[in-house]
Amino acid sequence: MPGPDAAAGRLAFPLPEMKIYRVCMGRLILIILGVLIAFMVISLVISALHFLFWIAIVAVILLGVLRLGGAMRRHSHR
């Protein structure tokens, strides 16, 4: 049952403004936290892939040096 403020376009018993503010701000904070966590996880994955890439580069270089060293050693003994 609307009160005297119904003519002005307001309901008689609206939600308190602070409750509406808390609900909206709570959702906004959760969305921001979700985006931040997603960004952190994506950054962590990219960082791990970058680290593995450099480990692979070092391994390929070491493997090449060891093979060249072994081939040169075998060649010098003949």
Protein backbone atom coordinates (compact mmCIF):
# COMPACT_ATOMS: atom_id res chain seq x y z
CA MET A 1 0.00 0.00 0.00
CA PRO A 2 1.71 3.18 -1.15
CA GLY A 3 2.13 6.03 1.23
CA PRO A 4 1.82 9.76 0.72
CA ASP A 5 5.03 9.87 -1.33
CA ALA A 6 3.51 7.67 -4.06
CA ALA A 7 2.33 10.74 -5.94
CA ALA A 8 5.91 12.00 -6.09
CA GLY A 9 7.04 8.76 -7.75
CA ARG A 10 8.52 7.11 -4.67
CA LEU A 11 7.33 3.92 -3.03
CA ALA A 12 6.24 3.99 0.57
CA PHE A 13 8.76 1.35 1.69
CA PRO A 14 11.79 1.38 -0.64
CA LEU A 15 15.01 -0.43 0.11
CA PRO A 16 17.25 1.71 2.21
CA GLU A 17 19.73 3.56 0.05
CA MET A 18 22.66 2.13 1.99
CA LYS A 19 21.54 -1.43 1.23
CA ILE A 20 21.34 -0.67 -2.50
CA TYR A 21 24.78 0.97 -2.28
CA ARG A 22 26.23 -2.06 -0.45
CA VAL A 23 24.82 -4.51 -3.00
CA CYS A 24 26.11 -2.51 -5.98
CA MET A 25 29.52 -1.86 -4.43
CA GLY A 26 29.81 -5.49 -3.35
CA ARG A 27 29.21 -6.67 -6.91
CA LEU A 28 31.62 -4.09 -8.27
CA ILE A 29 34.34 -5.14 -5.82
CA LEU A 30 33.82 -8.82 -6.66
CA ILE A 31 34.04 -8.08 -10.39
CA ILE A 32 37.23 -6.07 -9.89
CA LEU A 33 38.75 -8.82 -7.73
CA GLY A 34 37.81 -11.44 -10.33
CA VAL A 35 39.44 -9.43 -13.12
CA LEU A 36 42.54 -8.87 -10.97
CA ILE A 37 42.85 -12.58 -10.13
CA ALA A 38 42.36 -13.54 -13.79
CA PHE A 39 45.07 -11.06 -14.80
CA MET A 40 47.43 -12.46 -12.17
CA VAL A 41 46.85 -16.06 -13.30
CA ILE A 42 47.38 -15.16 -16.96
CA SER A 43 50.55 -13.25 -16.05
CA LEU A 44 51.79 -16.23 -14.04
CA VAL A 45 51.22 -18.60 -16.97
CA ILE A 46 52.98 -16.25 -19.40
CA SER A 47 55.88 -15.86 -16.98
CA ALA A 48 56.20 -19.64 -16.57
CA LEU A 49 56.16 -20.13 -20.35
CA HIS A 50 58.81 -17.45 -20.76
CA PHE A 51 60.99 -19.16 -18.13
CA LEU A 52 60.57 -22.55 -19.83
CA PHE A 53 61.43 -21.00 -23.19
CA TRP A 54 64.76 -19.73 -21.85
CA ILE A 55 65.49 -23.07 -20.18
CA ALA A 56 64.87 -24.75 -23.56
CA ILE A 57 67.20 -22.27 -25.32
CA VAL A 58 69.97 -22.97 -22.79
CA ALA A 59 69.41 -26.73 -23.12
CA VAL A 60 69.65 -26.55 -26.94
CA ILE A 61 72.87 -24.53 -26.72
CA LEU A 62 74.38 -26.96 -24.19
CA LEU A 63 73.36 -29.93 -26.31
CA GLY A 64 74.95 -28.34 -29.38
CA VAL A 65 78.18 -27.60 -27.50
CA LEU A 66 78.36 -31.14 -26.11
CA ARG A 67 77.76 -32.69 -29.54
CA LEU A 68 80.37 -30.46 -31.16
CA GLY A 69 82.82 -31.27 -28.38
CA GLY A 70 82.18 -35.00 -28.79
CA ALA A 71 82.57 -34.83 -32.56
CA MET A 72 85.82 -32.90 -32.28
CA ARG A 73 87.18 -35.34 -29.70
CA ARG A 74 86.36 -38.34 -31.94
CA HIS A 75 87.88 -36.60 -34.97
CA SER A 76 91.17 -35.81 -33.17
CA HIS A 77 91.70 -39.45 -32.05
CA ARG A 78 91.74 -40.80 -35.64
